Amino acid sequence: MTFEGIIVGAAVFLIIGICHPIVIKLEYHYGKQSWWVMALAGVIFACASLFVANTVLSTVLGAAAFSCFWGIHEIITQEKRVLKRWFPENPKRSEYYAKKRKELSL
């Protein structure tokens, strides 16, 4: 009996759970232009997964990389959720959101 699948599954579950609040915080504080943070993290995790000899750790790093790459899409989508008032907007950036709502007629 091997536990590699369970370990990878649990790690991916945690990675996804960690990435969700990171996306929300990045968009809240820095806006959708913070997508490059997730891209950089994804590239770092992807490169690390190529050089790790342990299969389980390499798989977990690869999953983290692609979770970060998916986070790029989620940051852009998160701004749309904020514009729809589904999530709170940063009061320091209220002028930006007001301008975007006017452009989009929301």
PDB file of N, CA and C in Angstrom:
ATOM      1  N   MET A   1       0.847  -1.173   0.000  1.00  0.00           N
ATOM      2  CA  MET A   1       0.000   0.000   0.000  1.00  0.00           C
ATOM      3  C   MET A   1       0.902   1.250   0.000  1.00  0.00           C
ATOM      4  N   THR A   2       0.549   2.233  -0.851  1.00  0.00           N
ATOM      5  CA  THR A   2       1.312   3.475  -0.914  1.00  0.00           C
ATOM      6  C   THR A   2       0.406   4.659  -0.587  1.00  0.00           C
ATOM      7  N   PHE A   3       1.018   5.683  -0.059  1.00  0.00           N
ATOM      8  CA  PHE A   3       0.261   6.858   0.363  1.00  0.00           C
ATOM      9  C   PHE A   3       0.562   8.095  -0.498  1.00  0.00           C
ATOM     10  N   GLU A   4       1.317   7.916  -1.562  1.00  0.00           N
ATOM     11  CA  GLU A   4       1.700   9.061  -2.383  1.00  0.00           C
ATOM     12  C   GLU A   4       0.493   9.811  -2.934  1.00  0.00           C
ATOM     13  N   GLY A   5      -0.501   9.088  -3.411  1.00  0.00           N
ATOM     14  CA  GLY A   5      -1.697   9.726  -3.966  1.00  0.00           C
ATOM     15  C   GLY A   5      -2.451  10.543  -2.930  1.00  0.00           C
ATOM     16  N   ILE A   6      -2.563  10.010  -1.724  1.00  0.00           N
ATOM     17  CA  ILE A   6      -3.242  10.726  -0.636  1.00  0.00           C
ATOM     18  C   ILE A   6      -2.447  11.971  -0.244  1.00  0.00           C
ATOM     19  N   ILE A   7      -1.131  11.835  -0.185  1.00  0.00           N
ATOM     20  CA  ILE A   7      -0.278  12.977   0.169  1.00  0.00           C
ATOM     21  C   ILE A   7      -0.407  14.082  -0.874  1.00  0.00           C
ATOM     22  N   VAL A   8      -0.322  13.716  -2.151  1.00  0.00           N
ATOM     23  CA  VAL A   8      -0.448  14.707  -3.223  1.00  0.00           C
ATOM     24  C   VAL A   8      -1.839  15.332  -3.202  1.00  0.00           C
ATOM     25  N   GLY A   9      -2.859  14.520  -3.026  1.00  0.00           N
ATOM     26  CA  GLY A   9      -4.226  15.043  -2.980  1.00  0.00           C
ATOM     27  C   GLY A   9      -4.426  16.040  -1.840  1.00  0.00           C
ATOM     28  N   ALA A  10      -3.921  15.702  -0.672  1.00  0.00           N
ATOM     29  CA  ALA A  10      -4.047  16.603   0.476  1.00  0.00           C
ATOM     30  C   ALA A  10      -3.254  17.890   0.239  1.00  0.00           C
ATOM     31  N   ALA A  11      -2.073  17.768  -0.348  1.00  0.00           N
ATOM     32  CA  ALA A  11      -1.250  18.949  -0.625  1.00  0.00           C
ATOM     33  C   ALA A  11      -1.938  19.868  -1.634  1.00  0.00           C
ATOM     34  N   VAL A  12      -2.500  19.302  -2.673  1.00  0.00           N
ATOM     35  CA  VAL A  12      -3.208  20.105  -3.677  1.00  0.00           C
ATOM     36  C   VAL A  12      -4.412  20.789  -3.053  1.00  0.00           C
ATOM     37  N   PHE A  13      -5.136  20.086  -2.210  1.00  0.00           N
ATOM     38  CA  PHE A  13      -6.278  20.673  -1.497  1.00  0.00           C
ATOM     39  C   PHE A  13      -5.836  21.883  -0.679  1.00  0.00           C
ATOM     40  N   LEU A  14      -4.724  21.744   0.039  1.00  0.00           N
ATOM     41  CA  LEU A  14      -4.201  22.860   0.835  1.00  0.00           C
ATOM     42  C   LEU A  14      -3.711  24.007  -0.044  1.00  0.00           C
ATOM     43  N   ILE A  15      -3.052  23.690  -1.134  1.00  0.00           N
ATOM     44  CA  ILE A  15      -2.550  24.723  -2.042  1.00  0.00           C
ATOM     45  C   ILE A  15      -3.699  25.549  -2.605  1.00  0.00           C
ATOM     46  N   ILE A  16      -4.739  24.883  -3.056  1.00  0.00           N
ATOM     47  CA  ILE A  16      -5.903  25.592  -3.585  1.00  0.00           C
ATOM     48  C   ILE A  16      -6.538  26.442  -2.492  1.00  0.00           C
ATOM     49  N   GLY A  17      -6.629  25.890  -1.294  1.00  0.00           N
ATOM     50  CA  GLY A  17      -7.195  26.635  -0.169  1.00  0.00           C
ATOM     51  C   GLY A  17      -6.375  27.853   0.218  1.00  0.00           C
ATOM     52  N   ILE A  18      -5.075  27.765   0.046  1.00  0.00           N
ATOM     53  CA  ILE A  18      -4.195  28.898   0.350  1.00  0.00           C
ATOM     54  C   ILE A  18      -4.234  29.942  -0.766  1.00  0.00           C
ATOM     55  N   CYS A  19      -4.311  29.496  -2.009  1.00  0.00           N
ATOM     56  CA  CYS A  19      -4.299  30.429  -3.146  1.00  0.00           C
ATOM     57  C   CYS A  19      -5.539  31.318  -3.181  1.00  0.00           C
ATOM     58  N   HIS A  20      -6.682  30.809  -2.756  1.00  0.00           N
ATOM     59  CA  HIS A  20      -7.921  31.597  -2.826  1.00  0.00           C
ATOM     60  C   HIS A  20      -7.833  32.892  -2.025  1.00  0.00           C
ATOM     61  N   PRO A  21      -7.463  32.859  -0.741  1.00  0.00           N
ATOM     62  CA  PRO A  21      -7.355  34.129  -0.024  1.00  0.00           C
ATOM     63  C   PRO A  21      -6.209  35.013  -0.526  1.00  0.00           C
ATOM     64  N   ILE A  22      -5.152  34.408  -1.069  1.00  0.00           N
ATOM     65  CA  ILE A  22      -4.065  35.210  -1.631  1.00  0.00           C
ATOM     66  C   ILE A  22      -4.571  36.036  -2.808  1.00  0.00           C
ATOM     67  N   VAL A  23      -5.363  35.412  -3.670  1.00  0.00           N
ATOM     68  CA  VAL A  23      -5.949  36.116  -4.812  1.00  0.00           C
ATOM     69  C   VAL A  23      -6.807  37.286  -4.333  1.00  0.00           C
ATOM     70  N   ILE A  24      -7.639  37.047  -3.338  1.00  0.00           N
ATOM     71  CA  ILE A  24      -8.523  38.096  -2.820  1.00  0.00           C
ATOM     72  C   ILE A  24      -7.703  39.246  -2.253  1.00  0.00           C
ATOM     73  N   LYS A  25      -6.683  38.931  -1.476  1.00  0.00           N
ATOM     74  CA  LYS A  25      -5.849  39.974  -0.864  1.00  0.00           C
ATOM     75  C   LYS A  25      -5.048  40.749  -1.910  1.00  0.00           C
ATOM     76  N   LEU A  26      -4.494  40.049  -2.891  1.00  0.00           N
ATOM     77  CA  LEU A  26      -3.741  40.738  -3.937  1.00  0.00           C
ATOM     78  C   LEU A  26      -4.621  41.730  -4.687  1.00  0.00           C
ATOM     79  N   GLU A  27      -5.821  41.289  -5.073  1.00  0.00           N
ATOM     80  CA  GLU A  27      -6.713  42.194  -5.802  1.00  0.00           C
ATOM     81  C   GLU A  27      -7.147  43.344  -4.912  1.00  0.00           C
ATOM     82  N   TYR A  28      -7.433  43.080  -3.649  1.00  0.00           N
ATOM     83  CA  TYR A  28      -7.898  44.117  -2.727  1.00  0.00           C
ATOM     84  C   TYR A  28      -6.838  45.206  -2.558  1.00  0.00           C
ATOM     85  N   HIS A  29      -5.599  44.806  -2.349  1.00  0.00           N
ATOM     86  CA  HIS A  29      -4.553  45.776  -2.046  1.00  0.00           C
ATOM     87  C   HIS A  29      -3.888  46.379  -3.290  1.00  0.00           C
ATOM     88  N   TYR A  30      -3.749  45.592  -4.347  1.00  0.00           N
ATOM     89  CA  TYR A  30      -2.969  46.050  -5.496  1.00  0.00           C
ATOM     90  C   TYR A  30      -3.728  46.044  -6.816  1.00  0.00           C
ATOM     91  N   GLY A  31      -4.920  45.491  -6.852  1.00  0.00           N
ATOM     92  CA  GLY A  31      -5.696  45.456  -8.089  1.00  0.00           C
ATOM     93  C   GLY A  31      -5.270  44.326  -9.001  1.00  0.00           C
ATOM     94  N   LYS A  32      -5.902  44.297 -10.160  1.00  0.00           N
ATOM     95  CA  LYS A  32      -5.626  43.184 -11.074  1.00  0.00           C
ATOM     96  C   LYS A  32      -4.239  43.247 -11.692  1.00  0.00           C
ATOM     97  N   GLN A  33      -3.578  44.414 -11.603  1.00  0.00           N
ATOM     98  CA  GLN A  33      -2.215  44.498 -12.124  1.00  0.00           C
ATOM     99  C   GLN A  33      -1.222  43.703 -11.280  1.00  0.00           C
ATOM    100  N   SER A  34      -1.673  43.106 -10.197  1.00  0.00           N
ATOM    101  CA  SER A  34      -0.802  42.263  -9.374  1.00  0.00           C
ATOM    102  C   SER A  34      -0.712  40.826  -9.905  1.00  0.00           C
ATOM    103  N   TRP A  35      -1.260  40.584 -11.085  1.00  0.00           N
ATOM    104  CA  TRP A  35      -1.245  39.241 -11.660  1.00  0.00           C
ATOM    105  C   TRP A  35       0.186  38.708 -11.810  1.00  0.00           C
ATOM    106  N   TRP A  36       1.142  39.606 -12.011  1.00  0.00           N
ATOM    107  CA  TRP A  36       2.518  39.180 -12.232  1.00  0.00           C
ATOM    108  C   TRP A  36       3.107  38.479 -11.006  1.00  0.00           C
ATOM    109  N   VAL A  37       2.575  38.772  -9.817  1.00  0.00           N
ATOM    110  CA  VAL A  37       3.051  38.096  -8.603  1.00  0.00           C
ATOM    111  C   VAL A  37       2.742  36.601  -8.701  1.00  0.00           C
ATOM    112  N   MET A  38       1.520  36.301  -9.128  1.00  0.00           N
ATOM    113  CA  MET A  38       1.132  34.892  -9.281  1.00  0.00           C
ATOM    114  C   MET A  38       1.916  34.241 -10.431  1.00  0.00           C
ATOM    115  N   ALA A  39       2.158  34.991 -11.494  1.00  0.00           N
ATOM    116  CA  ALA A  39       2.926  34.447 -12.616  1.00  0.00           C
ATOM    117  C   ALA A  39       4.354  34.116 -12.181  1.00  0.00           C
ATOM    118  N   LEU A  40       4.966  35.029 -11.441  1.00  0.00           N
ATOM    119  CA  LEU A  40       6.330  34.801 -10.964  1.00  0.00           C
ATOM    120  C   LEU A  40       6.389  33.596 -10.023  1.00  0.00           C
ATOM    121  N   ALA A  41       5.430  33.520  -9.104  1.00  0.00           N
ATOM    122  CA  ALA A  41       5.386  32.369  -8.190  1.00  0.00           C
ATOM    123  C   ALA A  41       5.193  31.072  -8.973  1.00  0.00           C
ATOM    124  N   GLY A  42       4.336  31.101  -9.981  1.00  0.00           N
ATOM    125  CA  GLY A  42       4.113  29.916 -10.807  1.00  0.00           C
ATOM    126  C   GLY A  42       5.370  29.468 -11.520  1.00  0.00           C
ATOM    127  N   VAL A  43       6.115  30.412 -12.080  1.00  0.00           N
ATOM    128  CA  VAL A  43       7.358  30.076 -12.779  1.00  0.00           C
ATOM    129  C   VAL A  43       8.385  29.501 -11.801  1.00  0.00           C
ATOM    130  N   ILE A  44       8.466  30.099 -10.626  1.00  0.00           N
ATOM    131  CA  ILE A  44       9.414  29.591  -9.618  1.00  0.00           C
ATOM    132  C   ILE A  44       9.053  28.170  -9.204  1.00  0.00           C
ATOM    133  N   PHE A  45       7.766  27.919  -8.921  1.00  0.00           N
ATOM    134  CA  PHE A  45       7.346  26.569  -8.540  1.00  0.00           C
ATOM    135  C   PHE A  45       7.570  25.578  -9.686  1.00  0.00           C
ATOM    136  N   ALA A  46       7.284  25.995 -10.915  1.00  0.00           N
ATOM    137  CA  ALA A  46       7.459  25.099 -12.064  1.00  0.00           C
ATOM    138  C   ALA A  46       8.939  24.744 -12.240  1.00  0.00           C
ATOM    139  N   CYS A  47       9.800  25.741 -12.143  1.00  0.00           N
ATOM    140  CA  CYS A  47      11.243  25.466 -12.265  1.00  0.00           C
ATOM    141  C   CYS A  47      11.724  24.569 -11.134  1.00  0.00           C
ATOM    142  N   ALA A  48      11.241  24.825  -9.937  1.00  0.00           N
ATOM    143  CA  ALA A  48      11.636  23.994  -8.794  1.00  0.00           C
ATOM    144  C   ALA A  48      11.196  22.552  -8.998  1.00  0.00           C
ATOM    145  N   SER A  49      10.011  22.364  -9.558  1.00  0.00           N
ATOM    146  CA  SER A  49       9.520  20.992  -9.752  1.00  0.00           C
ATOM    147  C   SER A  49      10.371  20.225 -10.755  1.00  0.00           C
ATOM    148  N   LEU A  50      11.028  20.939 -11.653  1.00  0.00           N
ATOM    149  CA  LEU A  50      11.883  20.282 -12.641  1.00  0.00           C
ATOM    150  C   LEU A  50      13.184  19.766 -12.033  1.00  0.00           C
ATOM    151  N   PHE A  51      13.605  20.381 -10.948  1.00  0.00           N
ATOM    152  CA  PHE A  51      14.910  20.047 -10.373  1.00  0.00           C
ATOM    153  C   PHE A  51      14.842  19.212  -9.098  1.00  0.00           C
ATOM    154  N   VAL A  52      13.636  18.883  -8.648  1.00  0.00           N
ATOM    155  CA  VAL A  52      13.474  18.076  -7.437  1.00  0.00           C
ATOM    156  C   VAL A  52      13.405  16.611  -7.842  1.00  0.00           C
ATOM    157  N   ALA A  53      14.215  15.796  -7.211  1.00  0.00           N
ATOM    158  CA  ALA A  53      14.279  14.374  -7.570  1.00  0.00           C
ATOM    159  C   ALA A  53      13.107  13.572  -6.999  1.00  0.00           C
ATOM    160  N   ASN A  54      12.570  14.006  -5.864  1.00  0.00           N
ATOM    161  CA  ASN A  54      11.473  13.295  -5.225  1.00  0.00           C
ATOM    162  C   ASN A  54      10.195  13.489  -6.027  1.00  0.00           C
ATOM    163  N   THR A  55       9.575  12.382  -6.441  1.00  0.00           N
ATOM    164  CA  THR A  55       8.401  12.443  -7.304  1.00  0.00           C
ATOM    165  C   THR A  55       7.225  13.138  -6.627  1.00  0.00           C
ATOM    166  N   VAL A  56       6.976  12.835  -5.369  1.00  0.00           N
ATOM    167  CA  VAL A  56       5.843  13.441  -4.663  1.00  0.00           C
ATOM    168  C   VAL A  56       6.045  14.951  -4.532  1.00  0.00           C
ATOM    169  N   LEU A  57       7.214  15.367  -4.110  1.00  0.00           N
ATOM    170  CA  LEU A  57       7.488  16.788  -3.957  1.00  0.00           C
ATOM    171  C   LEU A  57       7.459  17.511  -5.306  1.00  0.00           C
ATOM    172  N   SER A  58       7.996  16.883  -6.338  1.00  0.00           N
ATOM    173  CA  SER A  58       7.959  17.467  -7.670  1.00  0.00           C
ATOM    174  C   SER A  58       6.518  17.646  -8.143  1.00  0.00           C
ATOM    175  N   THR A  59       5.672  16.666  -7.870  1.00  0.00           N
ATOM    176  CA  THR A  59       4.261  16.744  -8.249  1.00  0.00           C
ATOM    177  C   THR A  59       3.555  17.859  -7.490  1.00  0.00           C
ATOM    178  N   VAL A  60       3.822  17.973  -6.206  1.00  0.00           N
ATOM    179  CA  VAL A  60       3.214  19.029  -5.383  1.00  0.00           C
ATOM    180  C   VAL A  60       3.665  20.410  -5.865  1.00  0.00           C
ATOM    181  N   LEU A  61       4.947  20.554  -6.192  1.00  0.00           N
ATOM    182  CA  LEU A  61       5.446  21.831  -6.711  1.00  0.00           C
ATOM    183  C   LEU A  61       4.808  22.158  -8.061  1.00  0.00           C
ATOM    184  N   GLY A  62       4.622  21.162  -8.901  1.00  0.00           N
ATOM    185  CA  GLY A  62       3.943  21.377 -10.180  1.00  0.00           C
ATOM    186  C   GLY A  62       2.498  21.799  -9.984  1.00  0.00           C
ATOM    187  N   ALA A  63       1.836  21.181  -9.021  1.00  0.00           N
ATOM    188  CA  ALA A  63       0.459  21.568  -8.718  1.00  0.00           C
ATOM    189  C   ALA A  63       0.397  22.997  -8.187  1.00  0.00           C
ATOM    190  N   ALA A  64       1.381  23.365  -7.371  1.00  0.00           N
ATOM    191  CA  ALA A  64       1.442  24.740  -6.864  1.00  0.00           C
ATOM    192  C   ALA A  64       1.664  25.716  -8.013  1.00  0.00           C
ATOM    193  N   ALA A  65       2.521  25.345  -8.962  1.00  0.00           N
ATOM    194  CA  ALA A  65       2.784  26.205 -10.119  1.00  0.00           C
ATOM    195  C   ALA A  65       1.506  26.475 -10.889  1.00  0.00           C
ATOM    196  N   PHE A  66       0.767  25.446 -11.191  1.00  0.00           N
ATOM    197  CA  PHE A  66      -0.425  25.635 -12.007  1.00  0.00           C
ATOM    198  C   PHE A  66      -1.584  26.233 -11.219  1.00  0.00           C
ATOM    199  N   SER A  67      -1.566  26.078  -9.914  1.00  0.00           N
ATOM    200  CA  SER A  67      -2.533  26.803  -9.085  1.00  0.00           C
ATOM    201  C   SER A  67      -2.240  28.299  -9.138  1.00  0.00           C
ATOM    202  N   CYS A  68      -0.974  28.660  -9.145  1.00  0.00           N
ATOM    203  CA  CYS A  68      -0.594  30.073  -9.281  1.00  0.00           C
ATOM    204  C   CYS A  68      -0.972  30.599 -10.665  1.00  0.00           C
ATOM    205  N   PHE A  69      -0.743  29.801 -11.696  1.00  0.00           N
ATOM    206  CA  PHE A  69      -1.124  30.237 -13.035  1.00  0.00           C
ATOM    207  C   PHE A  69      -2.643  30.435 -13.132  1.00  0.00           C
ATOM    208  N   TRP A  70      -3.412  29.561 -12.503  1.00  0.00           N
ATOM    209  CA  TRP A  70      -4.862  29.726 -12.468  1.00  0.00           C
ATOM    210  C   TRP A  70      -5.217  30.969 -11.659  1.00  0.00           C
ATOM    211  N   GLY A  71      -4.420  31.292 -10.662  1.00  0.00           N
ATOM    212  CA  GLY A  71      -4.645  32.482  -9.851  1.00  0.00           C
ATOM    213  C   GLY A  71      -4.589  33.762 -10.661  1.00  0.00           C
ATOM    214  N   ILE A  72      -3.826  33.776 -11.758  1.00  0.00           N
ATOM    215  CA  ILE A  72      -3.793  34.944 -12.645  1.00  0.00           C
ATOM    216  C   ILE A  72      -5.192  35.218 -13.174  1.00  0.00           C
ATOM    217  N   HIS A  73      -5.832  34.181 -13.658  1.00  0.00           N
ATOM    218  CA  HIS A  73      -7.218  34.317 -14.139  1.00  0.00           C
ATOM    219  C   HIS A  73      -8.147  34.756 -13.009  1.00  0.00           C
ATOM    220  N   GLU A  74      -7.949  34.194 -11.842  1.00  0.00           N
ATOM    221  CA  GLU A  74      -8.819  34.508 -10.715  1.00  0.00           C
ATOM    222  C   GLU A  74      -8.662  35.949 -10.234  1.00  0.00           C
ATOM    223  N   ILE A  75      -7.464  36.520 -10.315  1.00  0.00           N
ATOM    224  CA  ILE A  75      -7.277  37.919  -9.927  1.00  0.00           C
ATOM    225  C   ILE A  75      -8.087  38.825 -10.848  1.00  0.00           C
ATOM    226  N   ILE A  76      -8.056  38.537 -12.142  1.00  0.00           N
ATOM    227  CA  ILE A  76      -8.824  39.331 -13.103  1.00  0.00           C
ATOM    228  C   ILE A  76     -10.317  39.155 -12.856  1.00  0.00           C
ATOM    229  N   THR A  77     -10.736  37.931 -12.588  1.00  0.00           N
ATOM    230  CA  THR A  77     -12.142  37.661 -12.292  1.00  0.00           C
ATOM    231  C   THR A  77     -12.550  38.281 -10.963  1.00  0.00           C
ATOM    232  N   GLN A  78     -11.634  38.321 -10.003  1.00  0.00           N
ATOM    233  CA  GLN A  78     -11.938  38.910  -8.699  1.00  0.00           C
ATOM    234  C   GLN A  78     -12.278  40.386  -8.833  1.00  0.00           C
ATOM    235  N   GLU A  79     -11.586  41.089  -9.719  1.00  0.00           N
ATOM    236  CA  GLU A  79     -11.931  42.498  -9.928  1.00  0.00           C
ATOM    237  C   GLU A  79     -13.372  42.625 -10.417  1.00  0.00           C
ATOM    238  N   LYS A  80     -13.801  41.729 -11.287  1.00  0.00           N
ATOM    239  CA  LYS A  80     -15.184  41.756 -11.779  1.00  0.00           C
ATOM    240  C   LYS A  80     -16.163  41.502 -10.639  1.00  0.00           C
ATOM    241  N   ARG A  81     -15.802  40.606  -9.729  1.00  0.00           N
ATOM    242  CA  ARG A  81     -16.662  40.335  -8.571  1.00  0.00           C
ATOM    243  C   ARG A  81     -16.767  41.563  -7.669  1.00  0.00           C
ATOM    244  N   VAL A  82     -15.654  42.267  -7.499  1.00  0.00           N
ATOM    245  CA  VAL A  82     -15.663  43.485  -6.684  1.00  0.00           C
ATOM    246  C   VAL A  82     -16.520  44.550  -7.358  1.00  0.00           C
ATOM    247  N   LEU A  83     -16.389  44.686  -8.674  1.00  0.00           N
ATOM    248  CA  LEU A  83     -17.189  45.672  -9.398  1.00  0.00           C
ATOM    249  C   LEU A  83     -18.679  45.391  -9.273  1.00  0.00           C
ATOM    250  N   LYS A  84     -19.040  44.117  -9.177  1.00  0.00           N
ATOM    251  CA  LYS A  84     -20.441  43.730  -8.989  1.00  0.00           C
ATOM    252  C   LYS A  84     -20.870  43.818  -7.531  1.00  0.00           C
ATOM    253  N   ARG A  85     -19.925  44.217  -6.674  1.00  0.00           N
ATOM    254  CA  ARG A  85     -20.134  44.361  -5.229  1.00  0.00           C
ATOM    255  C   ARG A  85     -20.383  43.023  -4.526  1.00  0.00           C
ATOM    256  N   TRP A  86     -19.860  41.961  -5.089  1.00  0.00           N
ATOM    257  CA  TRP A  86     -19.940  40.655  -4.439  1.00  0.00           C
ATOM    258  C   TRP A  86     -18.871  40.526  -3.364  1.00  0.00           C
ATOM    259  N   PHE A  87     -17.782  41.306  -3.511  1.00  0.00           N
ATOM    260  CA  PHE A  87     -16.703  41.344  -2.535  1.00  0.00           C
ATOM    261  C   PHE A  87     -16.447  42.802  -2.180  1.00  0.00           C
ATOM    262  N   PRO A  88     -15.934  43.067  -0.988  1.00  0.00           N
ATOM    263  CA  PRO A  88     -15.680  44.460  -0.611  1.00  0.00           C
ATOM    264  C   PRO A  88     -14.537  45.065  -1.430  1.00  0.00           C
ATOM    265  N   GLU A  89     -14.685  46.355  -1.717  1.00  0.00           N
ATOM    266  CA  GLU A  89     -13.624  47.047  -2.422  1.00  0.00           C
ATOM    267  C   GLU A  89     -12.735  47.778  -1.427  1.00  0.00           C
ATOM    268  N   ASN A  90     -11.518  47.997  -1.828  1.00  0.00           N
ATOM    269  CA  ASN A  90     -10.571  48.736  -1.014  1.00  0.00           C
ATOM    270  C   ASN A  90     -10.963  50.219  -1.070  1.00  0.00           C
ATOM    271  N   PRO A  91     -11.283  50.836   0.063  1.00  0.00           N
ATOM    272  CA  PRO A  91     -11.681  52.251   0.039  1.00  0.00           C
ATOM    273  C   PRO A  91     -10.621  53.165  -0.564  1.00  0.00           C
ATOM    274  N   LYS A  92      -9.364  52.791  -0.467  1.00  0.00           N
ATOM    275  CA  LYS A  92      -8.287  53.595  -1.040  1.00  0.00           C
ATOM    276  C   LYS A  92      -8.327  53.580  -2.571  1.00  0.00           C
ATOM    277  N   ARG A  93      -9.030  52.616  -3.132  1.00  0.00           N
ATOM    278  CA  ARG A  93      -9.110  52.490  -4.583  1.00  0.00           C
ATOM    279  C   ARG A  93     -10.522  52.713  -5.094  1.00  0.00           C
ATOM    280  N   SER A  94     -11.362  53.386  -4.310  1.00  0.00           N
ATOM    281  CA  SER A  94     -12.774  53.563  -4.676  1.00  0.00           C
ATOM    282  C   SER A  94     -12.951  54.373  -5.958  1.00  0.00           C
ATOM    283  N   GLU A  95     -12.060  55.340  -6.199  1.00  0.00           N
ATOM    284  CA  GLU A  95     -12.161  56.119  -7.440  1.00  0.00           C
ATOM    285  C   GLU A  95     -11.937  55.229  -8.664  1.00  0.00           C
ATOM    286  N   TYR A  96     -10.994  54.316  -8.545  1.00  0.00           N
ATOM    287  CA  TYR A  96     -10.726  53.389  -9.643  1.00  0.00           C
ATOM    288  C   TYR A  96     -11.960  52.540  -9.938  1.00  0.00           C
ATOM    289  N   TYR A  97     -12.565  51.993  -8.873  1.00  0.00           N
ATOM    290  CA  TYR A  97     -13.743  51.148  -9.061  1.00  0.00           C
ATOM    291  C   TYR A  97     -14.915  51.950  -9.606  1.00  0.00           C
ATOM    292  N   ALA A  98     -15.087  53.185  -9.146  1.00  0.00           N
ATOM    293  CA  ALA A  98     -16.176  54.032  -9.648  1.00  0.00           C
ATOM    294  C   ALA A  98     -15.995  54.300 -11.146  1.00  0.00           C
ATOM    295  N   LYS A  99     -14.757  54.584 -11.544  1.00  0.00           N
ATOM    296  CA  LYS A  99     -14.471  54.821 -12.959  1.00  0.00           C
ATOM    297  C   LYS A  99     -14.758  53.570 -13.788  1.00  0.00           C
ATOM    298  N   LYS A 100     -14.326  52.412 -13.294  1.00  0.00           N
ATOM    299  CA  LYS A 100     -14.564  51.154 -14.014  1.00  0.00           C
ATOM    300  C   LYS A 100     -16.056  50.846 -14.115  1.00  0.00           C
ATOM    301  N   ARG A 101     -16.803  51.095 -13.030  1.00  0.00           N
ATOM    302  CA  ARG A 101     -18.246  50.856 -13.069  1.00  0.00           C
ATOM    303  C   ARG A 101     -18.911  51.764 -14.089  1.00  0.00           C
ATOM    304  N   LYS A 102     -18.462  53.016 -14.167  1.00  0.00           N
ATOM    305  CA  LYS A 102     -19.023  53.952 -15.138  1.00  0.00           C
ATOM    306  C   LYS A 102     -18.723  53.498 -16.568  1.00  0.00           C
ATOM    307  N   GLU A 103     -17.497  53.031 -16.789  1.00  0.00           N
ATOM    308  CA  GLU A 103     -17.115  52.528 -18.120  1.00  0.00           C
ATOM    309  C   GLU A 103     -17.947  51.318 -18.509  1.00  0.00           C
ATOM    310  N   LEU A 104     -18.206  50.453 -17.546  1.00  0.00           N
ATOM    311  CA  LEU A 104     -18.925  49.204 -17.819  1.00  0.00           C
ATOM    312  C   LEU A 104     -20.434  49.332 -17.607  1.00  0.00           C
ATOM    313  N   SER A 105     -20.872  50.491 -17.109  1.00  0.00           N
ATOM    314  CA  SER A 105     -22.294  50.744 -16.800  1.00  0.00           C
ATOM    315  C   SER A 105     -22.851  49.721 -15.821  1.00  0.00           C
ATOM    316  N   LEU A 106     -22.119  49.514 -14.729  1.00  0.00           N
ATOM    317  CA  LEU A 106     -22.586  48.600 -13.678  1.00  0.00           C
ATOM    318  C   LEU A 106     -23.226  49.355 -12.548  1.00  0.00           C
TER     319      LEU A 106
END
